[in-house]
Amino acid sequence: MECPRWLLPAIALFSTFLIVSAACDSEAPATAPTIAPVAASGQPAAAVGNRVGNRAPEFAIQLADGSSVSSEQLLKDGKPVFLFFWATWCSTCRGELERMKQVYPAFGDEVAFYAIGIDPSESISDLQDVARSRGYPWPGALPNSTMARDFNVLQQSTKIAIDSEGKIIYRDGYGVGSDDTWRSTLSTLTAGVR
């Protein structure tokens, strides 16, 4: 059976991403540390992982101005986080982000939303140029060297929602998710904030 032609560039890009990620992270610990050992409720925190119900691994993102923001900084004020992993060339990502523009305004002040570029060949200015031309109202960012691995992001258009205590409450992959699902997820995230 012959491999479809469109699949070869995707495989090559993914392989490059894995190699670059591994090369950039030669001294990283085998597991990501927790954001905090105890939830704000005083109950023991969930185990760190990348699935719904797990405590999110620590991460940092680089913003367009060159500054870096950590998960600890994002969550310290009790503001939940929505991460959308994308690439500028991904038509599914652009389609979902266009739909997210309709959902975002009702929650933008209460949820820290970031569009995280996962193509290692794209710079923060590449992301910002596309975001600006398409009118995306949220900030773009680049992940730290271990973020994609720690969250097990294997494809663009991965969406992850983290509540104000650092627990993953939603995760969907490529082309999965609807406006109603996102509204419901963002409503759940902001229930304790409003």
N, C-alpha and C. Protein backbone atom coordinates (compact mmCIF):
# COMPACT_ATOMS: atom_id res chain seq x y z
N MET A 1 0.84 -1.18 0.00
CA MET A 1 0.00 0.00 0.00
C MET A 1 0.89 1.24 0.00
N GLU A 2 0.60 2.18 -0.88
CA GLU A 2 1.40 3.37 -1.00
C GLU A 2 0.92 4.45 -0.04
N CYS A 3 1.84 5.18 0.52
CA CYS A 3 1.55 6.26 1.47
C CYS A 3 1.00 7.46 0.69
N PRO A 4 -0.10 8.08 1.14
CA PRO A 4 -0.63 9.27 0.46
C PRO A 4 0.42 10.38 0.42
N ARG A 5 0.49 11.13 -0.69
CA ARG A 5 1.52 12.16 -0.86
C ARG A 5 1.44 13.25 0.19
N TRP A 6 0.24 13.59 0.60
CA TRP A 6 0.07 14.67 1.58
C TRP A 6 0.60 14.28 2.96
N LEU A 7 0.70 12.97 3.21
CA LEU A 7 1.13 12.51 4.53
C LEU A 7 2.64 12.65 4.74
N LEU A 8 3.41 12.58 3.66
CA LEU A 8 4.88 12.63 3.79
C LEU A 8 5.38 13.94 4.39
N PRO A 9 4.91 15.12 3.91
CA PRO A 9 5.38 16.36 4.56
C PRO A 9 4.97 16.44 6.03
N ALA A 10 3.78 15.94 6.35
CA ALA A 10 3.32 15.97 7.74
C ALA A 10 4.23 15.10 8.61
N ILE A 11 4.60 13.93 8.12
CA ILE A 11 5.49 13.03 8.85
C ILE A 11 6.86 13.69 9.02
N ALA A 12 7.35 14.30 7.97
CA ALA A 12 8.66 14.96 8.03
C ALA A 12 8.65 16.10 9.03
N LEU A 13 7.59 16.91 9.02
CA LEU A 13 7.48 18.03 9.95
C LEU A 13 7.41 17.53 11.39
N PHE A 14 6.60 16.52 11.63
CA PHE A 14 6.45 15.97 12.97
C PHE A 14 7.78 15.39 13.45
N SER A 15 8.48 14.67 12.57
CA SER A 15 9.78 14.10 12.94
C SER A 15 10.77 15.20 13.30
N THR A 16 10.78 16.26 12.51
CA THR A 16 11.66 17.40 12.79
C THR A 16 11.33 18.01 14.14
N PHE A 17 10.03 18.17 14.40
CA PHE A 17 9.57 18.74 15.68
C PHE A 17 10.07 17.88 16.84
N LEU A 18 9.96 16.57 16.74
CA LEU A 18 10.41 15.69 17.82
C LEU A 18 11.91 15.76 18.02
N ILE A 19 12.65 15.80 16.93
CA ILE A 19 14.11 15.85 17.01
C ILE A 19 14.55 17.17 17.64
N VAL A 20 13.95 18.28 17.18
CA VAL A 20 14.31 19.59 17.73
C VAL A 20 13.93 19.66 19.21
N SER A 21 12.76 19.15 19.56
CA SER A 21 12.34 19.16 20.96
C SER A 21 13.30 18.36 21.82
N ALA A 22 13.72 17.20 21.35
CA ALA A 22 14.64 16.37 22.12
C ALA A 22 16.00 17.05 22.24
N ALA A 23 16.47 17.68 21.16
CA ALA A 23 17.77 18.34 21.18
C ALA A 23 17.78 19.53 22.12
N CYS A 24 16.65 20.24 22.17
CA CYS A 24 16.57 21.43 23.04
C CYS A 24 16.41 21.06 24.50
N ASP A 25 16.14 19.82 24.76
CA ASP A 25 15.80 19.42 26.12
C ASP A 25 16.68 18.29 26.63
N SER A 26 17.94 18.32 26.35
CA SER A 26 18.80 17.21 26.72
C SER A 26 19.01 17.05 28.21
N GLU A 27 18.78 18.11 29.01
CA GLU A 27 19.01 18.01 30.43
C GLU A 27 17.74 18.13 31.25
N ALA A 28 16.58 18.03 30.61
CA ALA A 28 15.31 18.19 31.34
C ALA A 28 15.03 16.96 32.18
N PRO A 29 14.34 17.14 33.29
CA PRO A 29 13.97 15.99 34.10
C PRO A 29 13.01 15.08 33.35
N ALA A 30 12.95 13.83 33.74
CA ALA A 30 12.10 12.86 33.05
C ALA A 30 10.62 13.19 33.22
N THR A 31 10.24 13.81 34.31
CA THR A 31 8.85 14.19 34.50
C THR A 31 8.78 15.66 34.86
N ALA A 32 7.66 16.27 34.49
CA ALA A 32 7.48 17.69 34.80
C ALA A 32 7.10 17.87 36.26
N PRO A 33 7.58 18.92 36.88
CA PRO A 33 7.20 19.18 38.27
C PRO A 33 5.76 19.66 38.34
N THR A 34 5.19 19.60 39.51
CA THR A 34 3.82 20.07 39.69
C THR A 34 3.80 21.59 39.80
N ILE A 35 2.62 22.17 39.53
CA ILE A 35 2.45 23.61 39.70
C ILE A 35 2.39 23.92 41.18
N ALA A 36 1.65 23.11 41.94
CA ALA A 36 1.58 23.26 43.39
C ALA A 36 1.13 21.93 43.96
N PRO A 37 1.63 21.55 45.14
CA PRO A 37 1.29 20.23 45.65
C PRO A 37 -0.11 20.11 46.24
N VAL A 38 -0.73 21.23 46.61
CA VAL A 38 -2.04 21.18 47.22
C VAL A 38 -2.96 22.16 46.52
N ALA A 39 -4.19 21.75 46.22
CA ALA A 39 -5.16 22.63 45.60
C ALA A 39 -5.57 23.71 46.58
N ALA A 40 -6.12 24.80 46.07
CA ALA A 40 -6.55 25.91 46.92
C ALA A 40 -7.61 25.46 47.93
N SER A 41 -8.37 24.41 47.59
CA SER A 41 -9.39 23.91 48.50
C SER A 41 -8.81 23.21 49.71
N GLY A 42 -7.49 22.97 49.71
CA GLY A 42 -6.84 22.27 50.80
C GLY A 42 -6.78 20.77 50.59
N GLN A 43 -7.44 20.28 49.55
CA GLN A 43 -7.43 18.86 49.23
C GLN A 43 -6.12 18.53 48.49
N PRO A 44 -5.67 17.27 48.58
CA PRO A 44 -4.47 16.89 47.83
C PRO A 44 -4.68 17.15 46.33
N ALA A 45 -3.66 17.64 45.70
CA ALA A 45 -3.74 17.94 44.27
C ALA A 45 -3.74 16.65 43.46
N ALA A 46 -4.35 16.73 42.28
CA ALA A 46 -4.36 15.59 41.36
C ALA A 46 -2.93 15.33 40.87
N ALA A 47 -2.68 14.13 40.39
CA ALA A 47 -1.37 13.79 39.84
C ALA A 47 -1.08 14.65 38.62
N VAL A 48 0.17 15.00 38.43
CA VAL A 48 0.57 15.78 37.26
C VAL A 48 0.50 14.89 36.04
N GLY A 49 -0.04 15.42 34.96
CA GLY A 49 -0.13 14.68 33.72
C GLY A 49 -0.69 15.55 32.61
N ASN A 50 -1.08 14.91 31.52
CA ASN A 50 -1.56 15.68 30.37
C ASN A 50 -2.99 15.31 29.97
N ARG A 51 -3.70 14.62 30.85
CA ARG A 51 -5.07 14.21 30.56
C ARG A 51 -6.06 14.99 31.41
N VAL A 52 -7.31 14.98 30.97
CA VAL A 52 -8.37 15.62 31.74
C VAL A 52 -8.39 14.99 33.13
N GLY A 53 -8.45 15.83 34.15
CA GLY A 53 -8.44 15.39 35.54
C GLY A 53 -7.07 15.47 36.18
N ASN A 54 -6.01 15.51 35.36
CA ASN A 54 -4.64 15.66 35.88
C ASN A 54 -4.34 17.11 36.19
N ARG A 55 -3.39 17.28 37.07
CA ARG A 55 -2.83 18.60 37.32
C ARG A 55 -1.91 18.91 36.15
N ALA A 56 -2.02 20.10 35.59
CA ALA A 56 -1.20 20.47 34.44
C ALA A 56 0.28 20.54 34.81
N PRO A 57 1.15 20.10 33.92
CA PRO A 57 2.59 20.26 34.18
C PRO A 57 2.96 21.74 34.14
N GLU A 58 4.04 22.08 34.81
CA GLU A 58 4.53 23.46 34.74
C GLU A 58 4.97 23.74 33.31
N PHE A 59 4.78 24.99 32.89
CA PHE A 59 5.21 25.39 31.56
C PHE A 59 5.52 26.88 31.56
N ALA A 60 6.16 27.32 30.51
CA ALA A 60 6.41 28.74 30.29
C ALA A 60 6.20 29.01 28.81
N ILE A 61 5.72 30.21 28.51
CA ILE A 61 5.53 30.61 27.12
C ILE A 61 6.23 31.93 26.89
N GLN A 62 6.70 32.12 25.65
CA GLN A 62 7.35 33.37 25.26
C GLN A 62 6.35 34.20 24.49
N LEU A 63 6.15 35.44 24.92
CA LEU A 63 5.21 36.35 24.27
C LEU A 63 5.92 37.17 23.20
N ALA A 64 5.14 37.90 22.41
CA ALA A 64 5.67 38.67 21.29
C ALA A 64 6.68 39.73 21.72
N ASP A 65 6.53 40.27 22.92
CA ASP A 65 7.45 41.30 23.39
C ASP A 65 8.76 40.71 23.92
N GLY A 66 8.89 39.38 23.84
CA GLY A 66 10.11 38.71 24.29
C GLY A 66 10.05 38.25 25.74
N SER A 67 9.04 38.69 26.47
CA SER A 67 8.92 38.27 27.87
C SER A 67 8.44 36.83 27.95
N SER A 68 8.68 36.24 29.09
CA SER A 68 8.28 34.86 29.33
C SER A 68 7.28 34.85 30.49
N VAL A 69 6.25 34.02 30.36
CA VAL A 69 5.23 33.91 31.40
C VAL A 69 5.14 32.44 31.80
N SER A 70 5.18 32.16 33.09
CA SER A 70 5.10 30.79 33.58
C SER A 70 3.66 30.44 33.95
N SER A 71 3.41 29.15 34.04
CA SER A 71 2.08 28.69 34.47
C SER A 71 1.78 29.19 35.88
N GLU A 72 2.78 29.24 36.71
CA GLU A 72 2.59 29.75 38.07
C GLU A 72 2.10 31.19 38.05
N GLN A 73 2.72 32.02 37.18
CA GLN A 73 2.29 33.41 37.06
C GLN A 73 0.87 33.51 36.53
N LEU A 74 0.54 32.68 35.54
CA LEU A 74 -0.80 32.73 34.95
C LEU A 74 -1.88 32.34 35.95
N LEU A 75 -1.58 31.36 36.79
CA LEU A 75 -2.59 30.84 37.71
C LEU A 75 -2.61 31.53 39.08
N LYS A 76 -1.63 32.36 39.38
CA LYS A 76 -1.52 32.91 40.73
C LYS A 76 -2.71 33.78 41.13
N ASP A 77 -3.36 34.42 40.18
CA ASP A 77 -4.51 35.25 40.50
C ASP A 77 -5.83 34.50 40.37
N GLY A 78 -5.76 33.18 40.22
CA GLY A 78 -6.97 32.39 40.12
C GLY A 78 -7.65 32.48 38.77
N LYS A 79 -6.91 32.89 37.74
CA LYS A 79 -7.48 33.01 36.40
C LYS A 79 -7.21 31.72 35.63
N PRO A 80 -8.27 31.08 35.10
CA PRO A 80 -8.07 29.86 34.32
C PRO A 80 -7.38 30.17 32.99
N VAL A 81 -6.89 29.11 32.34
CA VAL A 81 -6.09 29.25 31.12
C VAL A 81 -6.66 28.34 30.02
N PHE A 82 -6.73 28.87 28.80
CA PHE A 82 -7.12 28.08 27.63
C PHE A 82 -5.96 28.16 26.63
N LEU A 83 -5.41 27.00 26.27
CA LEU A 83 -4.28 26.92 25.34
C LEU A 83 -4.74 26.30 24.03
N PHE A 84 -4.41 26.96 22.93
CA PHE A 84 -4.73 26.44 21.60
C PHE A 84 -3.41 26.31 20.85
N PHE A 85 -2.99 25.08 20.58
CA PHE A 85 -1.73 24.82 19.90
C PHE A 85 -1.99 24.80 18.39
N TRP A 86 -1.24 25.61 17.64
CA TRP A 86 -1.53 25.75 16.21
C TRP A 86 -0.27 26.03 15.41
N ALA A 87 -0.45 26.05 14.09
CA ALA A 87 0.59 26.46 13.15
C ALA A 87 -0.09 27.36 12.12
N THR A 88 0.62 28.33 11.61
CA THR A 88 0.01 29.30 10.69
C THR A 88 -0.46 28.65 9.39
N TRP A 89 0.18 27.57 8.97
CA TRP A 89 -0.18 26.91 7.72
C TRP A 89 -1.33 25.91 7.89
N CYS A 90 -1.80 25.71 9.10
CA CYS A 90 -2.84 24.72 9.39
C CYS A 90 -4.23 25.33 9.13
N SER A 91 -4.86 24.89 8.06
CA SER A 91 -6.18 25.45 7.70
C SER A 91 -7.24 25.08 8.74
N THR A 92 -7.14 23.91 9.34
CA THR A 92 -8.09 23.52 10.39
C THR A 92 -7.93 24.44 11.60
N CYS A 93 -6.69 24.73 11.96
CA CYS A 93 -6.43 25.65 13.08
C CYS A 93 -7.06 27.01 12.79
N ARG A 94 -6.80 27.55 11.61
CA ARG A 94 -7.33 28.86 11.27
C ARG A 94 -8.86 28.85 11.28
N GLY A 95 -9.47 27.77 10.80
CA GLY A 95 -10.93 27.67 10.83
C GLY A 95 -11.46 27.65 12.25
N GLU A 96 -10.81 26.87 13.12
CA GLU A 96 -11.26 26.81 14.51
C GLU A 96 -11.02 28.14 15.23
N LEU A 97 -9.90 28.79 14.95
CA LEU A 97 -9.62 30.07 15.58
C LEU A 97 -10.61 31.14 15.11
N GLU A 98 -11.05 31.06 13.85
CA GLU A 98 -12.09 31.97 13.36
C GLU A 98 -13.38 31.76 14.16
N ARG A 99 -13.73 30.50 14.40
CA ARG A 99 -14.94 30.20 15.19
C ARG A 99 -14.75 30.62 16.64
N MET A 100 -13.53 30.46 17.16
CA MET A 100 -13.26 30.84 18.54
C MET A 100 -13.41 32.36 18.72
N LYS A 101 -13.18 33.13 17.64
CA LYS A 101 -13.35 34.59 17.73
C LYS A 101 -14.78 34.96 18.11
N GLN A 102 -15.74 34.10 17.78
CA GLN A 102 -17.14 34.36 18.12
C GLN A 102 -17.43 34.04 19.59
N VAL A 103 -16.70 33.08 20.14
CA VAL A 103 -16.91 32.63 21.52
C VAL A 103 -16.10 33.47 22.51
N TYR A 104 -14.91 33.84 22.12
CA TYR A 104 -13.93 34.51 22.99
C TYR A 104 -14.43 35.77 23.70
N PRO A 105 -15.12 36.70 23.03
CA PRO A 105 -15.45 37.97 23.69
C PRO A 105 -16.19 37.84 25.02
N ALA A 106 -17.03 36.84 25.16
CA ALA A 106 -17.78 36.68 26.40
C ALA A 106 -16.90 36.22 27.57
N PHE A 107 -15.71 35.71 27.27
CA PHE A 107 -14.86 35.13 28.32
C PHE A 107 -13.45 35.72 28.37
N GLY A 108 -13.10 36.55 27.42
CA GLY A 108 -11.73 37.05 27.26
C GLY A 108 -11.15 37.76 28.47
N ASP A 109 -12.01 38.42 29.26
CA ASP A 109 -11.50 39.12 30.44
C ASP A 109 -11.27 38.19 31.63
N GLU A 110 -11.85 37.00 31.57
CA GLU A 110 -11.81 36.10 32.73
C GLU A 110 -10.96 34.85 32.51
N VAL A 111 -10.55 34.61 31.26
CA VAL A 111 -9.74 33.44 30.94
C VAL A 111 -8.48 33.91 30.21
N ALA A 112 -7.33 33.42 30.63
CA ALA A 112 -6.07 33.72 29.93
C ALA A 112 -6.00 32.78 28.72
N PHE A 113 -6.23 33.32 27.54
CA PHE A 113 -6.26 32.53 26.31
C PHE A 113 -4.98 32.80 25.54
N TYR A 114 -4.29 31.72 25.12
CA TYR A 114 -3.07 31.86 24.34
C TYR A 114 -3.09 30.90 23.16
N ALA A 115 -2.73 31.42 21.99
CA ALA A 115 -2.54 30.59 20.80
C ALA A 115 -1.05 30.28 20.73
N ILE A 116 -0.71 29.02 20.98
CA ILE A 116 0.69 28.58 21.10
C ILE A 116 1.16 27.98 19.78
N GLY A 117 2.19 28.57 19.20
CA GLY A 117 2.74 28.05 17.95
C GLY A 117 3.56 26.80 18.20
N ILE A 118 3.28 25.72 17.44
CA ILE A 118 4.02 24.48 17.67
C ILE A 118 4.91 24.06 16.50
N ASP A 119 4.93 24.85 15.43
CA ASP A 119 5.83 24.54 14.32
C ASP A 119 7.17 25.18 14.64
N PRO A 120 8.22 24.39 14.85
CA PRO A 120 9.51 24.97 15.25
C PRO A 120 10.13 25.88 14.19
N SER A 121 9.62 25.84 12.97
CA SER A 121 10.17 26.72 11.93
C SER A 121 9.50 28.09 11.93
N GLU A 122 8.46 28.28 12.75
CA GLU A 122 7.76 29.55 12.78
C GLU A 122 8.20 30.38 13.99
N SER A 123 8.43 31.66 13.76
CA SER A 123 8.83 32.57 14.83
C SER A 123 7.59 33.21 15.44
N ILE A 124 7.79 33.89 16.55
CA ILE A 124 6.69 34.61 17.19
C ILE A 124 6.16 35.69 16.25
N SER A 125 7.03 36.32 15.45
CA SER A 125 6.53 37.33 14.52
C SER A 125 5.71 36.71 13.40
N ASP A 126 6.05 35.48 12.97
CA ASP A 126 5.20 34.77 11.99
C ASP A 126 3.80 34.58 12.55
N LEU A 127 3.73 34.13 13.81
CA LEU A 127 2.43 33.92 14.46
C LEU A 127 1.66 35.23 14.57
N GLN A 128 2.36 36.29 15.01
CA GLN A 128 1.71 37.58 15.19
C GLN A 128 1.21 38.15 13.87
N ASP A 129 1.98 37.99 12.79
CA ASP A 129 1.56 38.51 11.48
C ASP A 129 0.25 37.87 11.04
N VAL A 130 0.16 36.55 11.16
CA VAL A 130 -1.07 35.86 10.77
C VAL A 130 -2.21 36.23 11.71
N ALA A 131 -1.94 36.26 13.01
CA ALA A 131 -2.97 36.61 13.98
C ALA A 131 -3.50 38.02 13.73
N ARG A 132 -2.61 38.95 13.45
CA ARG A 132 -3.01 40.33 13.19
C ARG A 132 -3.85 40.42 11.91
N SER A 133 -3.40 39.74 10.85
CA SER A 133 -4.13 39.80 9.57
C SER A 133 -5.51 39.15 9.67
N ARG A 134 -5.69 38.20 10.58
CA ARG A 134 -6.97 37.52 10.73
C ARG A 134 -7.80 38.08 11.88
N GLY A 135 -7.27 39.04 12.60
CA GLY A 135 -8.02 39.70 13.66
C GLY A 135 -8.20 38.88 14.93
N TYR A 136 -7.23 38.03 15.25
CA TYR A 136 -7.32 37.25 16.48
C TYR A 136 -7.07 38.18 17.67
N PRO A 137 -7.97 38.22 18.64
CA PRO A 137 -7.85 39.17 19.75
C PRO A 137 -6.97 38.70 20.91
N TRP A 138 -6.51 37.48 20.90
CA TRP A 138 -5.73 36.93 22.01
C TRP A 138 -4.25 36.94 21.65
N PRO A 139 -3.38 36.85 22.65
CA PRO A 139 -1.94 36.85 22.37
C PRO A 139 -1.45 35.51 21.80
N GLY A 140 -0.48 35.61 20.93
CA GLY A 140 0.22 34.43 20.45
C GLY A 140 1.45 34.21 21.30
N ALA A 141 1.95 33.00 21.30
CA ALA A 141 3.11 32.69 22.12
C ALA A 141 3.83 31.48 21.56
N LEU A 142 5.05 31.30 21.99
CA LEU A 142 5.83 30.10 21.69
C LEU A 142 6.01 29.31 22.98
N PRO A 143 6.02 27.98 22.89
CA PRO A 143 6.18 27.16 24.10
C PRO A 143 7.63 27.07 24.53
N ASN A 144 7.83 26.77 25.83
CA ASN A 144 9.19 26.46 26.25
C ASN A 144 9.58 25.11 25.64
N SER A 145 10.81 24.71 25.81
CA SER A 145 11.33 23.54 25.09
C SER A 145 10.64 22.23 25.45
N THR A 146 10.00 22.13 26.61
CA THR A 146 9.39 20.86 27.01
C THR A 146 7.87 20.87 27.01
N MET A 147 7.27 22.00 26.74
CA MET A 147 5.82 22.13 26.90
C MET A 147 5.02 21.16 26.03
N ALA A 148 5.35 21.07 24.75
CA ALA A 148 4.61 20.17 23.86
C ALA A 148 4.74 18.72 24.32
N ARG A 149 5.95 18.35 24.73
CA ARG A 149 6.16 16.98 25.23
C ARG A 149 5.40 16.75 26.53
N ASP A 150 5.50 17.69 27.46
CA ASP A 150 4.85 17.52 28.76
C ASP A 150 3.33 17.43 28.64
N PHE A 151 2.77 18.17 27.69
CA PHE A 151 1.32 18.13 27.46
C PHE A 151 0.94 17.07 26.42
N ASN A 152 1.93 16.36 25.88
CA ASN A 152 1.71 15.34 24.87
C ASN A 152 0.95 15.90 23.66
N VAL A 153 1.39 17.06 23.20
CA VAL A 153 0.80 17.68 22.01
C VAL A 153 1.51 17.08 20.80
N LEU A 154 0.78 16.26 20.06
CA LEU A 154 1.36 15.57 18.92
C LEU A 154 0.87 16.13 17.59
N GLN A 155 -0.05 17.08 17.66
CA GLN A 155 -0.60 17.66 16.44
C GLN A 155 -1.07 19.08 16.71
N GLN A 156 -1.12 19.85 15.63
CA GLN A 156 -1.66 21.18 15.76
C GLN A 156 -3.17 21.07 16.02
N SER A 157 -3.78 22.16 16.43
CA SER A 157 -5.20 22.24 16.74
C SER A 157 -5.56 21.45 18.00
N THR A 158 -4.59 21.30 18.90
CA THR A 158 -4.88 20.70 20.21
C THR A 158 -5.30 21.82 21.14
N LYS A 159 -6.38 21.58 21.86
CA LYS A 159 -6.93 22.58 22.77
C LYS A 159 -6.95 22.02 24.18
N ILE A 160 -6.44 22.81 25.15
CA ILE A 160 -6.37 22.37 26.54
C ILE A 160 -6.86 23.51 27.44
N ALA A 161 -7.81 23.19 28.33
CA ALA A 161 -8.31 24.18 29.29
C ALA A 161 -7.86 23.76 30.69
N ILE A 162 -7.32 24.72 31.43
CA ILE A 162 -6.80 24.50 32.78
C ILE A 162 -7.57 25.39 33.74
N ASP A 163 -8.17 24.80 34.77
CA ASP A 163 -8.95 25.61 35.71
C ASP A 163 -8.04 26.43 36.61
N SER A 164 -8.63 27.26 37.45
CA SER A 164 -7.86 28.20 38.27
C SER A 164 -6.99 27.52 39.32
N GLU A 165 -7.21 26.22 39.56
CA GLU A 165 -6.36 25.48 40.50
C GLU A 165 -5.30 24.64 39.78
N GLY A 166 -5.23 24.78 38.45
CA GLY A 166 -4.19 24.09 37.70
C GLY A 166 -4.57 22.72 37.17
N LYS A 167 -5.84 22.35 37.23
CA LYS A 167 -6.29 21.04 36.77
C LYS A 167 -6.82 21.13 35.33
N ILE A 168 -6.44 20.17 34.50
CA ILE A 168 -6.92 20.11 33.13
C ILE A 168 -8.38 19.66 33.15
N ILE A 169 -9.27 20.48 32.60
CA ILE A 169 -10.69 20.11 32.59
C ILE A 169 -11.21 19.81 31.18
N TYR A 170 -10.41 20.12 30.17
CA TYR A 170 -10.84 19.90 28.78
C TYR A 170 -9.61 19.70 27.92
N ARG A 171 -9.75 18.76 26.96
CA ARG A 171 -8.69 18.52 26.00
C ARG A 171 -9.32 17.93 24.75
N ASP A 172 -9.02 18.54 23.61
CA ASP A 172 -9.49 18.03 22.32
C ASP A 172 -8.37 18.18 21.31
N GLY A 173 -8.44 17.39 20.26
CA GLY A 173 -7.39 17.39 19.26
C GLY A 173 -7.80 18.02 17.95
N TYR A 174 -7.12 17.62 16.91
CA TYR A 174 -7.22 18.19 15.57
C TYR A 174 -8.65 18.18 15.05
N GLY A 175 -9.19 19.37 14.84
CA GLY A 175 -10.52 19.50 14.25
C GLY A 175 -11.67 19.08 15.14
N VAL A 176 -11.39 18.77 16.40
CA VAL A 176 -12.43 18.31 17.32
C VAL A 176 -12.82 19.47 18.22
N GLY A 177 -14.09 19.58 18.48
CA GLY A 177 -14.59 20.66 19.34
C GLY A 177 -15.56 21.52 18.56
N SER A 178 -16.50 22.06 19.27
CA SER A 178 -17.51 22.90 18.63
C SER A 178 -17.67 24.18 19.43
N ASP A 179 -18.34 25.14 18.85
CA ASP A 179 -18.60 26.40 19.54
C ASP A 179 -19.32 26.13 20.86
N ASP A 180 -20.31 25.23 20.84
CA ASP A 180 -21.06 24.92 22.06
C ASP A 180 -20.16 24.28 23.12
N THR A 181 -19.29 23.38 22.70
CA THR A 181 -18.35 22.73 23.63
C THR A 181 -17.43 23.78 24.25
N TRP A 182 -16.91 24.69 23.42
CA TRP A 182 -16.01 25.72 23.92
C TRP A 182 -16.75 26.66 24.87
N ARG A 183 -17.97 27.05 24.54
CA ARG A 183 -18.75 27.92 25.43
C ARG A 183 -18.97 27.24 26.79
N SER A 184 -19.34 25.96 26.73
CA SER A 184 -19.57 25.20 27.96
C SER A 184 -18.29 25.10 28.78
N THR A 185 -17.18 24.80 28.12
CA THR A 185 -15.89 24.69 28.82
C THR A 185 -15.49 26.02 29.43
N LEU A 186 -15.61 27.09 28.67
CA LEU A 186 -15.24 28.41 29.19
C LEU A 186 -16.18 28.85 30.29
N SER A 187 -17.45 28.47 30.21
CA SER A 187 -18.39 28.77 31.30
C SER A 187 -17.99 28.03 32.57
N THR A 188 -17.60 26.77 32.42
CA THR A 188 -17.14 25.99 33.58
C THR A 188 -15.89 26.63 34.18
N LEU A 189 -14.96 27.04 33.31
CA LEU A 189 -13.73 27.67 33.80
C LEU A 189 -14.00 28.95 34.57
N THR A 190 -14.98 29.70 34.13
CA THR A 190 -15.22 31.02 34.74
C THR A 190 -16.28 30.99 35.83
N ALA A 191 -16.88 29.84 36.09
CA ALA A 191 -17.94 29.75 37.10
C ALA A 191 -17.46 30.26 38.46
N GLY A 192 -16.25 29.93 38.84
CA GLY A 192 -15.72 30.36 40.13
C GLY A 192 -15.15 31.77 40.09
N VAL A 193 -14.97 32.32 38.87
CA VAL A 193 -14.37 33.64 38.72
C VAL A 193 -15.44 34.73 38.71
N ARG A 194 -16.58 34.41 38.14
CA ARG A 194 -17.66 35.42 37.98
C ARG A 194 -18.34 35.72 39.25
